[in-house]
N, C-alpha and C. Protein backbone atom coordinates (compact mmCIF):
# COMPACT_ATOMS: atom_id res chain seq x y z
N UNK A 1 -274.04 59.20 -63.74
CA UNK A 1 -273.88 60.35 -62.89
C UNK A 1 -274.50 61.45 -63.54
N UNK A 2 -275.29 62.26 -62.98
CA UNK A 2 -276.54 63.15 -63.69
C UNK A 2 -275.52 64.55 -63.32
N UNK A 3 -274.79 65.10 -64.05
CA UNK A 3 -274.47 66.98 -63.78
C UNK A 3 -274.87 67.63 -64.68
N UNK A 4 -275.97 67.20 -66.27
CA UNK A 4 -275.96 68.45 -66.53
C UNK A 4 -278.04 67.67 -67.03
N UNK A 5 -278.93 68.52 -66.89
CA UNK A 5 -280.11 67.90 -67.28
C UNK A 5 -280.76 69.47 -67.83
N UNK A 6 -281.37 68.10 -68.93
CA UNK A 6 -282.15 69.02 -70.19
C UNK A 6 -283.50 69.00 -69.59
N UNK A 7 -283.79 70.57 -69.33
CA UNK A 7 -284.82 70.78 -68.41
C UNK A 7 -286.12 71.40 -69.70
N UNK A 8 -287.13 70.98 -69.97
CA UNK A 8 -288.34 71.16 -71.29
C UNK A 8 -289.39 71.33 -70.10
N UNK A 9 -289.62 72.85 -70.99
CA UNK A 9 -290.82 73.66 -70.50
C UNK A 9 -291.43 74.45 -71.14
N UNK A 10 -292.29 75.26 -70.56
CA UNK A 10 -293.05 76.41 -71.68
C UNK A 10 -292.78 77.67 -71.53
N UNK A 11 -293.51 77.93 -72.97
CA UNK A 11 -292.84 79.29 -74.01
C UNK A 11 -293.95 80.19 -73.31
N UNK A 12 -295.06 79.80 -72.48
CA UNK A 12 -295.83 80.36 -71.74
C UNK A 12 -296.11 80.37 -70.44
N UNK A 13 -296.69 80.96 -69.86
CA UNK A 13 -296.86 81.43 -67.98
C UNK A 13 -297.35 80.39 -67.21
N UNK A 14 -298.85 80.10 -67.83
CA UNK A 14 -299.88 79.47 -67.61
C UNK A 14 -300.52 80.68 -66.85
N UNK A 15 -301.94 79.75 -66.42
CA UNK A 15 -302.85 80.70 -66.12
C UNK A 15 -302.48 81.39 -64.75
N UNK A 16 -301.94 80.31 -64.25
CA UNK A 16 -301.19 80.75 -62.60
C UNK A 16 -299.91 81.35 -62.48
N UNK A 17 -299.88 82.12 -61.45
CA UNK A 17 -298.60 82.75 -61.14
C UNK A 17 -297.49 81.58 -60.25
N UNK A 18 -298.26 80.40 -60.29
CA UNK A 18 -297.55 79.49 -59.28
C UNK A 18 -296.71 78.19 -60.45
N UNK A 19 -296.96 78.71 -61.56
CA UNK A 19 -296.31 78.09 -62.79
C UNK A 19 -294.85 77.96 -62.96
N UNK A 20 -294.63 79.79 -63.23
CA UNK A 20 -293.38 80.50 -63.48
C UNK A 20 -292.83 80.47 -61.76
N UNK A 21 -293.28 80.46 -60.54
CA UNK A 21 -292.98 80.47 -59.71
C UNK A 21 -291.99 78.87 -59.46
N UNK A 22 -292.86 78.08 -59.73
CA UNK A 22 -292.18 76.59 -59.46
C UNK A 22 -291.00 76.70 -60.79
N UNK A 23 -291.66 76.85 -61.71
CA UNK A 23 -290.00 76.91 -62.88
C UNK A 23 -289.12 77.35 -62.11
N UNK A 24 -289.16 79.06 -61.37
CA UNK A 24 -287.71 79.58 -60.95
C UNK A 24 -287.23 78.88 -59.77
N UNK A 25 -287.85 78.14 -59.42
CA UNK A 25 -287.93 77.16 -58.15
C UNK A 25 -286.67 76.10 -58.74
N UNK A 26 -287.07 75.34 -59.63
CA UNK A 26 -287.00 74.50 -60.24
C UNK A 26 -285.22 74.88 -60.98
N UNK A 27 -285.11 76.07 -61.37
CA UNK A 27 -283.77 76.51 -61.54
C UNK A 27 -282.73 76.58 -60.25
N UNK A 28 -283.49 77.23 -59.42
CA UNK A 28 -282.95 77.83 -58.18
C UNK A 28 -282.19 76.08 -57.56
N UNK A 29 -283.10 74.84 -57.25
CA UNK A 29 -282.63 73.96 -57.05
C UNK A 29 -281.56 73.27 -57.25
N UNK A 30 -281.54 73.54 -58.81
CA UNK A 30 -280.70 72.66 -59.68
C UNK A 30 -279.59 73.19 -59.64
N UNK A 31 -279.38 74.65 -59.43
CA UNK A 31 -277.72 75.74 -59.26
C UNK A 31 -277.40 75.28 -57.90
N UNK A 32 -278.12 75.16 -56.62
CA UNK A 32 -278.34 74.93 -55.09
C UNK A 32 -277.31 73.49 -55.33
N UNK A 33 -277.83 72.36 -56.25
CA UNK A 33 -277.35 70.96 -56.23
C UNK A 33 -276.19 70.52 -57.19
N UNK A 34 -275.78 71.98 -57.72
CA UNK A 34 -274.29 72.09 -59.56
C UNK A 34 -274.73 71.15 -60.17
N UNK A 35 -275.99 71.40 -60.36
CA UNK A 35 -276.62 70.48 -61.61
C UNK A 35 -276.98 71.28 -62.82
N UNK A 36 -275.91 71.07 -63.95
CA UNK A 36 -275.74 72.23 -65.14
C UNK A 36 -277.24 72.73 -65.85
N UNK A 37 -277.71 73.49 -66.23
CA UNK A 37 -279.30 73.36 -67.20
C UNK A 37 -278.97 73.37 -68.77
N UNK A 38 -279.54 73.03 -69.18
CA UNK A 38 -279.61 72.59 -70.24
C UNK A 38 -280.88 73.43 -71.04
N UNK A 39 -281.51 74.04 -71.91
CA UNK A 39 -283.10 74.09 -72.06
C UNK A 39 -283.03 74.83 -73.14
N UNK A 40 -284.35 75.85 -73.32
CA UNK A 40 -284.50 75.89 -75.06
C UNK A 40 -284.03 77.28 -75.35
N UNK A 41 -283.78 78.24 -74.19
CA UNK A 41 -283.01 79.08 -74.66
C UNK A 41 -283.43 80.35 -74.75
N UNK A 42 -284.48 80.82 -75.41
CA UNK A 42 -285.85 81.52 -75.06
C UNK A 42 -285.66 82.80 -73.54
N UNK A 43 -286.70 83.32 -73.91
CA UNK A 43 -286.96 84.68 -72.38
C UNK A 43 -287.74 84.66 -72.48
N UNK A 44 -288.84 83.81 -72.83
CA UNK A 44 -290.05 83.79 -72.52
C UNK A 44 -291.07 82.93 -71.70
N UNK A 45 -292.09 83.08 -71.02
CA UNK A 45 -292.49 82.12 -70.30
C UNK A 45 -291.90 81.05 -69.10
N UNK A 46 -292.11 79.98 -69.24
CA UNK A 46 -291.95 79.68 -68.08
C UNK A 46 -290.28 79.09 -67.72
N UNK A 47 -290.13 78.99 -69.53
CA UNK A 47 -288.36 78.90 -69.49
C UNK A 47 -287.21 79.60 -68.54
N UNK A 48 -287.76 81.20 -69.09
CA UNK A 48 -286.78 82.31 -68.74
C UNK A 48 -287.76 82.39 -67.10
N UNK A 49 -288.50 82.06 -66.71
CA UNK A 49 -288.72 81.91 -65.15
C UNK A 49 -287.18 81.31 -65.11
N UNK A 50 -287.14 79.78 -65.06
CA UNK A 50 -285.84 78.52 -64.23
C UNK A 50 -284.98 79.19 -65.22
N UNK A 51 -284.57 80.00 -66.20
CA UNK A 51 -283.48 79.57 -66.46
C UNK A 51 -282.58 81.34 -65.39
N UNK A 52 -284.00 82.11 -65.73
CA UNK A 52 -283.53 83.34 -64.92
C UNK A 52 -282.94 82.68 -62.97
N UNK A 53 -283.97 81.58 -62.28
CA UNK A 53 -283.89 81.21 -60.94
C UNK A 53 -282.35 80.48 -61.20
N UNK A 54 -282.19 79.75 -61.77
CA UNK A 54 -281.01 78.71 -62.31
C UNK A 54 -279.80 80.07 -62.28
N UNK A 55 -279.72 80.74 -62.92
CA UNK A 55 -278.40 82.11 -63.26
C UNK A 55 -278.43 82.47 -61.68
N UNK A 56 -279.30 83.28 -61.30
CA UNK A 56 -279.80 84.17 -60.11
C UNK A 56 -278.88 83.40 -59.07
N UNK A 57 -279.06 81.89 -58.76
CA UNK A 57 -278.61 80.93 -57.69
C UNK A 57 -276.80 80.64 -58.36
N UNK A 58 -276.58 81.26 -58.86
CA UNK A 58 -275.33 81.07 -59.70
C UNK A 58 -274.50 79.64 -60.20
N UNK A 59 -275.80 79.44 -60.88
CA UNK A 59 -276.05 78.16 -61.57
C UNK A 59 -275.14 78.43 -63.14
N UNK A 60 -275.12 77.23 -63.54
CA UNK A 60 -274.54 77.14 -65.04
C UNK A 60 -275.73 76.78 -66.47
N UNK A 61 -276.04 77.77 -66.99
CA UNK A 61 -277.16 77.73 -68.00
C UNK A 61 -277.17 77.60 -69.38
N UNK A 62 -277.19 76.78 -70.35
CA UNK A 62 -277.01 76.91 -71.95
C UNK A 62 -278.21 77.03 -72.24
N UNK A 63 -278.52 77.59 -73.27
CA UNK A 63 -279.89 78.13 -73.93
C UNK A 63 -279.49 77.90 -75.74
N UNK A 64 -280.03 76.36 -76.19
CA UNK A 64 -280.11 75.69 -77.59
C UNK A 64 -281.35 76.42 -78.12
N UNK A 65 -281.08 77.61 -78.79
CA UNK A 65 -282.31 77.91 -79.92
C UNK A 65 -281.86 77.90 -81.28
N UNK A 66 -283.23 77.49 -81.99
CA UNK A 66 -283.11 77.72 -83.36
C UNK A 66 -282.88 79.16 -84.14
N UNK A 67 -282.32 79.23 -84.88
CA UNK A 67 -282.31 80.16 -85.66
C UNK A 67 -283.54 81.30 -85.72
N UNK A 68 -284.24 80.16 -86.12
CA UNK A 68 -286.06 80.94 -86.57
C UNK A 68 -286.38 81.79 -85.63
N UNK A 69 -285.63 81.10 -84.09
CA UNK A 69 -286.32 81.99 -82.72
C UNK A 69 -285.94 82.71 -82.36
N UNK A 70 -284.43 83.16 -82.77
CA UNK A 70 -283.75 84.01 -82.43
C UNK A 70 -283.77 84.91 -83.33
N UNK A 71 -284.12 84.90 -84.59
CA UNK A 71 -284.62 86.17 -85.16
C UNK A 71 -285.89 86.65 -84.60
N UNK A 72 -286.83 86.32 -83.90
CA UNK A 72 -287.86 86.86 -83.25
C UNK A 72 -287.56 87.55 -81.90
N UNK A 73 -286.07 88.19 -81.66
CA UNK A 73 -286.16 88.88 -80.46
C UNK A 73 -286.07 88.38 -79.26
N UNK A 74 -286.60 86.78 -79.64
CA UNK A 74 -286.73 86.20 -78.17
C UNK A 74 -285.10 84.87 -76.84
N UNK A 75 -284.45 85.59 -77.52
CA UNK A 75 -283.18 84.83 -76.89
C UNK A 75 -282.75 85.38 -75.39
N UNK A 76 -282.71 84.66 -74.60
CA UNK A 76 -282.25 85.13 -73.59
C UNK A 76 -280.85 84.76 -73.32
N UNK A 77 -280.33 86.66 -73.74
CA UNK A 77 -278.91 87.12 -73.81
C UNK A 77 -278.07 86.67 -71.65
N UNK A 78 -278.78 86.21 -71.02
CA UNK A 78 -278.17 86.07 -69.76
C UNK A 78 -277.57 85.02 -69.58
N UNK A 79 -277.86 84.28 -70.49
CA UNK A 79 -277.11 82.82 -70.32
C UNK A 79 -275.80 82.66 -69.93
N UNK A 80 -275.68 81.17 -69.93
CA UNK A 80 -273.94 81.19 -69.74
C UNK A 80 -273.49 80.81 -71.30
N UNK A 81 -274.03 80.13 -71.94
CA UNK A 81 -273.97 79.77 -72.96
C UNK A 81 -274.93 79.73 -74.36
N UNK A 82 -274.89 80.39 -75.42
CA UNK A 82 -275.96 80.55 -76.03
C UNK A 82 -275.23 79.48 -77.08
N UNK A 83 -276.59 78.20 -77.46
CA UNK A 83 -275.78 77.81 -78.76
C UNK A 83 -277.10 77.83 -80.01
N UNK A 84 -276.66 78.33 -80.97
CA UNK A 84 -277.53 78.14 -81.75
C UNK A 84 -277.81 77.32 -83.09
N UNK A 85 -279.20 76.78 -83.15
CA UNK A 85 -278.98 75.47 -84.37
C UNK A 85 -279.92 76.12 -84.91
N UNK A 86 -279.62 75.78 -86.07
CA UNK A 86 -280.53 75.47 -87.29
C UNK A 86 -281.99 75.21 -87.61
N UNK A 87 -282.68 74.29 -86.41
CA UNK A 87 -283.56 74.02 -86.09
C UNK A 87 -283.91 73.34 -85.26
N UNK A 88 -285.20 73.00 -85.04
CA UNK A 88 -285.91 72.50 -83.71
C UNK A 88 -284.84 70.93 -83.59
N UNK A 89 -285.33 70.29 -84.55
CA UNK A 89 -284.94 68.82 -84.50
C UNK A 89 -283.51 68.91 -84.24
N UNK A 90 -282.50 70.22 -84.43
CA UNK A 90 -281.25 70.14 -83.92
C UNK A 90 -281.16 70.50 -82.97
N UNK A 91 -281.97 71.21 -82.23
CA UNK A 91 -282.41 71.23 -81.06
C UNK A 91 -282.02 70.92 -80.17
N UNK A 92 -283.06 69.44 -80.54
CA UNK A 92 -283.18 68.50 -79.29
C UNK A 92 -282.05 68.03 -79.47
N UNK A 93 -281.55 67.50 -80.56
CA UNK A 93 -280.46 66.30 -80.62
C UNK A 93 -279.34 66.89 -79.57
N UNK A 94 -279.01 68.72 -79.95
CA UNK A 94 -277.77 68.76 -79.09
C UNK A 94 -278.35 68.83 -77.48
N UNK A 95 -279.54 69.25 -77.51
CA UNK A 95 -280.08 68.58 -75.79
C UNK A 95 -279.65 67.71 -75.19
N UNK A 96 -280.23 66.56 -76.04
CA UNK A 96 -279.86 65.31 -75.24
C UNK A 96 -278.38 65.31 -75.44
N UNK A 97 -277.54 65.73 -76.31
CA UNK A 97 -276.10 65.46 -76.02
C UNK A 97 -275.39 65.78 -75.20
N UNK A 98 -275.66 67.13 -74.71
CA UNK A 98 -275.24 67.71 -73.67
C UNK A 98 -275.82 67.48 -72.33
N UNK A 99 -276.57 66.85 -72.07
CA UNK A 99 -277.60 66.06 -70.92
C UNK A 99 -277.38 64.59 -69.88
N UNK A 100 -277.59 64.31 -69.46
CA UNK A 100 -277.54 62.73 -68.80
C UNK A 100 -279.08 62.76 -68.11
N UNK A 101 -279.69 63.69 -68.11
CA UNK A 101 -281.11 63.55 -67.65
C UNK A 101 -282.29 64.38 -68.60
N UNK A 102 -283.45 64.53 -68.52
CA UNK A 102 -284.39 65.68 -68.74
C UNK A 102 -285.48 65.23 -67.63
N UNK A 103 -285.72 66.74 -67.29
CA UNK A 103 -286.39 66.96 -66.39
C UNK A 103 -287.86 68.01 -67.40
N UNK A 104 -288.99 67.52 -66.59
CA UNK A 104 -289.86 68.30 -67.74
C UNK A 104 -290.58 68.85 -66.90
N UNK A 105 -291.06 69.61 -67.23
CA UNK A 105 -292.30 70.44 -66.07
C UNK A 105 -293.57 71.16 -67.35
N UNK A 106 -295.00 71.53 -66.57
CA UNK A 106 -295.62 71.56 -67.52
C UNK A 106 -295.45 72.65 -68.80
N UNK A 107 -295.92 72.15 -69.80
CA UNK A 107 -296.06 72.92 -71.31
C UNK A 107 -296.87 72.46 -71.81
N UNK A 108 -296.47 72.69 -73.70
CA UNK A 108 -297.45 72.39 -74.49
C UNK A 108 -296.76 71.33 -75.78
N UNK A 109 -297.34 71.54 -76.68
CA UNK A 109 -296.87 70.33 -77.79
C UNK A 109 -295.92 70.54 -77.77
N UNK A 110 -294.89 71.43 -77.83
CA UNK A 110 -293.28 71.57 -77.69
C UNK A 110 -292.76 70.96 -76.87
N UNK A 111 -293.30 70.99 -75.30
CA UNK A 111 -292.73 69.94 -74.57
C UNK A 111 -293.32 68.42 -74.34
N UNK A 112 -293.95 68.54 -74.94
CA UNK A 112 -294.86 67.19 -75.47
C UNK A 112 -293.83 66.12 -76.44
N UNK A 113 -293.59 66.77 -77.32
CA UNK A 113 -292.69 66.57 -78.29
C UNK A 113 -291.06 66.15 -77.93
N UNK A 114 -290.94 67.25 -76.77
CA UNK A 114 -289.75 66.87 -76.68
C UNK A 114 -289.62 65.46 -75.68
N UNK A 115 -290.50 65.57 -74.57
CA UNK A 115 -290.77 64.30 -73.86
C UNK A 115 -290.72 63.20 -74.47
N UNK A 116 -291.32 63.19 -74.87
CA UNK A 116 -291.60 61.74 -75.90
C UNK A 116 -290.16 61.27 -77.02
N UNK A 117 -289.73 62.56 -77.45
CA UNK A 117 -288.30 62.36 -77.88
C UNK A 117 -287.24 61.37 -77.22
N UNK A 118 -287.35 62.23 -76.16
CA UNK A 118 -286.57 61.61 -74.95
C UNK A 118 -286.96 60.41 -74.94
N UNK A 119 -287.74 60.19 -74.44
CA UNK A 119 -288.62 58.80 -74.08
C UNK A 119 -288.01 57.86 -75.26
N UNK A 120 -288.57 58.26 -76.55
CA UNK A 120 -288.64 57.43 -77.92
C UNK A 120 -287.00 57.00 -77.72
N UNK A 121 -286.08 57.46 -77.78
CA UNK A 121 -284.94 57.54 -77.71
C UNK A 121 -284.16 56.56 -76.66
N UNK A 122 -284.53 56.81 -75.67
CA UNK A 122 -285.01 55.37 -74.56
C UNK A 122 -284.70 53.88 -74.98
N UNK A 123 -286.08 54.23 -75.66
CA UNK A 123 -287.08 52.93 -76.08
C UNK A 123 -286.05 52.30 -77.29
N UNK A 124 -285.48 53.08 -78.22
CA UNK A 124 -284.82 52.61 -79.25
C UNK A 124 -283.21 52.31 -79.18
N UNK A 125 -282.47 52.45 -77.83
CA UNK A 125 -281.55 52.13 -77.16
C UNK A 125 -280.52 53.35 -77.57
N UNK A 126 -280.99 54.43 -78.66
CA UNK A 126 -280.51 55.89 -78.37
C UNK A 126 -279.44 56.45 -77.08
N UNK A 127 -280.36 56.15 -76.34
CA UNK A 127 -280.43 56.87 -75.20
C UNK A 127 -280.40 55.56 -73.53
N UNK A 128 -280.02 56.06 -72.51
CA UNK A 128 -280.33 55.36 -71.52
C UNK A 128 -280.29 56.43 -70.21
N UNK A 129 -281.55 57.49 -70.35
CA UNK A 129 -281.18 58.09 -69.30
C UNK A 129 -282.74 58.93 -68.75
N UNK A 130 -282.64 58.90 -67.18
CA UNK A 130 -284.00 58.98 -66.75
C UNK A 130 -284.74 60.29 -67.07
N UNK A 131 -285.72 60.33 -66.99
CA UNK A 131 -287.02 61.06 -67.16
C UNK A 131 -287.75 61.69 -65.50
N UNK A 132 -287.20 63.08 -65.51
CA UNK A 132 -288.22 63.04 -64.18
C UNK A 132 -289.23 64.27 -64.72
N UNK A 133 -290.23 63.65 -64.06
CA UNK A 133 -291.52 65.03 -64.42
C UNK A 133 -291.96 65.57 -62.94
N UNK A 134 -291.94 66.91 -63.31
CA UNK A 134 -292.42 67.87 -62.19
C UNK A 134 -293.69 67.85 -62.53
N UNK A 135 -294.81 67.53 -61.45
CA UNK A 135 -296.18 67.00 -62.09
C UNK A 135 -296.86 68.17 -60.71
N UNK A 136 -296.57 69.13 -61.22
CA UNK A 136 -296.57 70.47 -60.55
C UNK A 136 -298.78 70.35 -60.26
N UNK A 137 -299.04 70.44 -59.42
CA UNK A 137 -300.93 70.02 -58.86
C UNK A 137 -300.93 69.39 -60.23
N UNK A 138 -300.28 68.30 -60.36
CA UNK A 138 -301.19 67.01 -60.98
C UNK A 138 -301.38 67.38 -62.21
N UNK A 139 -300.63 68.36 -62.61
CA UNK A 139 -300.30 68.44 -64.33
C UNK A 139 -300.24 67.16 -65.36
N UNK A 140 -299.52 66.68 -64.91
CA UNK A 140 -299.46 65.59 -66.02
C UNK A 140 -299.91 64.06 -65.57
N UNK A 141 -300.93 63.96 -64.28
CA UNK A 141 -301.63 63.31 -64.17
C UNK A 141 -302.43 62.08 -65.22
N UNK A 142 -303.13 62.71 -65.41
CA UNK A 142 -303.47 61.96 -67.43
C UNK A 142 -302.49 61.15 -67.95
N UNK A 143 -301.38 62.03 -68.21
CA UNK A 143 -300.38 61.79 -69.04
C UNK A 143 -300.24 60.34 -68.27
N UNK A 144 -299.66 60.50 -67.23
CA UNK A 144 -298.66 59.31 -66.39
C UNK A 144 -299.56 57.98 -65.97
N UNK A 145 -301.24 58.25 -65.88
CA UNK A 145 -302.33 57.57 -66.14
C UNK A 145 -302.12 56.81 -67.28
N UNK A 146 -301.85 57.29 -68.21
CA UNK A 146 -301.81 56.89 -69.79
C UNK A 146 -300.80 55.77 -70.21
N UNK A 147 -299.69 56.50 -69.48
CA UNK A 147 -298.37 54.90 -69.53
C UNK A 147 -298.70 54.37 -69.00
N UNK A 148 -299.22 54.30 -67.43
CA UNK A 148 -299.48 52.93 -66.86
C UNK A 148 -300.40 51.99 -67.70
N UNK A 149 -301.57 52.89 -68.21
CA UNK A 149 -302.24 51.80 -69.16
C UNK A 149 -301.66 51.15 -70.27
N UNK A 150 -300.48 51.71 -70.93
CA UNK A 150 -299.53 51.41 -71.72
C UNK A 150 -299.05 49.93 -71.39
N UNK A 151 -298.79 49.97 -70.07
CA UNK A 151 -298.02 48.92 -69.28
C UNK A 151 -298.69 47.70 -69.06
N UNK A 152 -300.38 48.10 -68.73
CA UNK A 152 -301.14 47.22 -68.00
C UNK A 152 -301.61 46.52 -69.30
N UNK A 153 -301.49 46.87 -70.75
CA UNK A 153 -301.71 46.50 -71.93
C UNK A 153 -300.99 46.16 -72.75
N UNK A 154 -299.67 45.81 -72.55
CA UNK A 154 -298.62 45.33 -73.07
C UNK A 154 -297.55 46.53 -74.11
N UNK A 155 -297.87 47.47 -74.14
CA UNK A 155 -297.59 48.35 -75.52
C UNK A 155 -295.96 49.01 -74.29
N UNK A 156 -296.18 48.75 -73.66
CA UNK A 156 -295.15 49.42 -72.92
C UNK A 156 -294.35 48.38 -71.87
N UNK A 157 -292.89 48.77 -71.97
CA UNK A 157 -292.20 47.66 -70.88
C UNK A 157 -292.51 48.60 -69.27
N UNK A 158 -292.49 47.25 -68.24
CA UNK A 158 -291.81 48.28 -67.32
C UNK A 158 -291.13 49.11 -66.55
N UNK A 159 -289.88 48.17 -67.45
CA UNK A 159 -288.49 49.30 -67.80
C UNK A 159 -288.46 50.62 -68.07
N UNK A 160 -289.14 50.76 -69.59
CA UNK A 160 -288.83 52.06 -69.79
C UNK A 160 -290.16 52.76 -69.05
N UNK A 161 -291.62 52.52 -68.52
CA UNK A 161 -292.01 53.13 -67.84
C UNK A 161 -291.26 53.67 -66.43
N UNK A 162 -290.60 52.98 -66.21
CA UNK A 162 -290.40 53.30 -64.58
C UNK A 162 -288.61 54.40 -64.88
N UNK A 163 -288.51 54.62 -66.05
CA UNK A 163 -287.67 55.64 -66.45
C UNK A 163 -288.27 56.73 -66.33
N UNK A 164 -289.11 56.62 -65.98
CA UNK A 164 -290.20 58.34 -66.17
C UNK A 164 -290.83 58.39 -64.68
N UNK A 165 -289.55 59.23 -63.52
CA UNK A 165 -289.78 59.58 -62.70
C UNK A 165 -290.84 60.62 -62.02
N UNK A 166 -292.34 60.44 -61.11
CA UNK A 166 -293.05 61.30 -60.91
C UNK A 166 -292.81 61.84 -59.63
N UNK A 167 -292.14 63.22 -60.07
CA UNK A 167 -291.92 64.52 -59.12
C UNK A 167 -292.78 65.48 -58.56
N UNK A 168 -293.25 65.60 -57.56
CA UNK A 168 -294.12 66.52 -56.98
C UNK A 168 -293.86 68.01 -56.70
N UNK A 169 -292.49 68.17 -56.43
CA UNK A 169 -291.95 69.55 -55.97
C UNK A 169 -290.35 69.21 -56.66
N UNK A 170 -289.83 70.56 -56.76
CA UNK A 170 -288.57 70.69 -57.28
C UNK A 170 -287.65 69.80 -56.50
N UNK A 171 -287.69 70.14 -54.78
CA UNK A 171 -286.78 69.33 -54.43
C UNK A 171 -286.99 67.94 -54.24
N UNK A 172 -288.44 67.40 -54.92
CA UNK A 172 -288.19 66.41 -54.92
C UNK A 172 -288.14 65.68 -56.46
N UNK A 173 -287.55 66.46 -57.17
CA UNK A 173 -286.53 66.31 -58.32
C UNK A 173 -285.49 66.29 -57.92
N UNK A 174 -284.69 67.25 -57.03
CA UNK A 174 -283.57 66.59 -56.86
C UNK A 174 -283.02 65.38 -55.89
N UNK A 175 -283.96 65.50 -55.00
CA UNK A 175 -283.80 64.38 -54.24
C UNK A 175 -283.58 62.97 -55.24
N UNK A 176 -284.96 62.92 -56.01
CA UNK A 176 -284.97 61.44 -57.19
C UNK A 176 -283.67 61.40 -58.05
N UNK A 177 -282.75 62.64 -58.05
CA UNK A 177 -281.32 62.61 -59.00
C UNK A 177 -280.86 62.46 -57.98
N UNK A 178 -280.32 63.10 -57.24
CA UNK A 178 -279.57 62.11 -55.92
C UNK A 178 -279.75 61.05 -55.35
N UNK A 179 -280.81 60.65 -55.74
CA UNK A 179 -280.94 58.97 -55.26
C UNK A 179 -280.19 58.05 -56.57
N UNK A 180 -281.05 58.29 -57.95
CA UNK A 180 -280.24 57.96 -59.38
C UNK A 180 -278.74 58.28 -58.81
N UNK A 181 -278.31 59.02 -58.73
CA UNK A 181 -276.82 59.65 -58.55
C UNK A 181 -276.19 58.39 -57.36
N UNK A 182 -276.25 58.14 -56.11
CA UNK A 182 -276.28 57.16 -55.42
C UNK A 182 -276.29 55.81 -55.98
N UNK A 183 -277.33 55.24 -56.87
CA UNK A 183 -277.04 53.93 -57.58
C UNK A 183 -276.23 53.95 -58.62
N UNK A 184 -275.75 55.06 -59.24
CA UNK A 184 -274.56 54.83 -60.16
C UNK A 184 -273.16 54.77 -59.76
N UNK A 185 -273.18 55.56 -58.59
CA UNK A 185 -271.79 54.95 -57.88
C UNK A 185 -271.95 53.90 -57.31
N UNK A 186 -272.70 53.53 -57.10
CA UNK A 186 -272.95 52.16 -56.02
C UNK A 186 -272.74 51.11 -57.16
N UNK A 187 -272.98 51.24 -58.33
CA UNK A 187 -272.82 50.32 -59.58
C UNK A 187 -271.69 50.16 -59.91
N UNK A 188 -270.90 50.91 -59.37
CA UNK A 188 -269.58 50.74 -60.23
C UNK A 188 -268.52 50.13 -59.92
């Protein structure tokens, strides 16, 4: 059952306001669904839009921020709980340990690093958790196509590929999480 999701997204807001708006809507949708949020803990970019959306909708938000970032005065002090880590590696470990799923929104290198670390940990058997990709305006289409090519050419199993769910809207993410939770309950 997914009760807490690690949300990975950008420290920038993108070139159009719809990226931040979608992040805000994702936070609101998670709060409305009663799903707690764990995220990178900053007050910048789409990260703060998502956190503010969840908090303003009454959601629980845990920020996990490395001490090096905290010294830059970018820590979001409005979160329900703030966990400070020694570095990025520990931040990823803490976020994984507190969540039952990952939600990926548009971002850059850090977001890709977090996505693939989560995916690799699934592959290695350290995790067995779904990844929901919020593919706003087709942002992740090339990546999803590459994953399909990896399956076609025998480098990625279909089972691991199917752990990454392509979602078009925040509401679609929630719908797919609810479907996942129903399957979990039915398998008990």
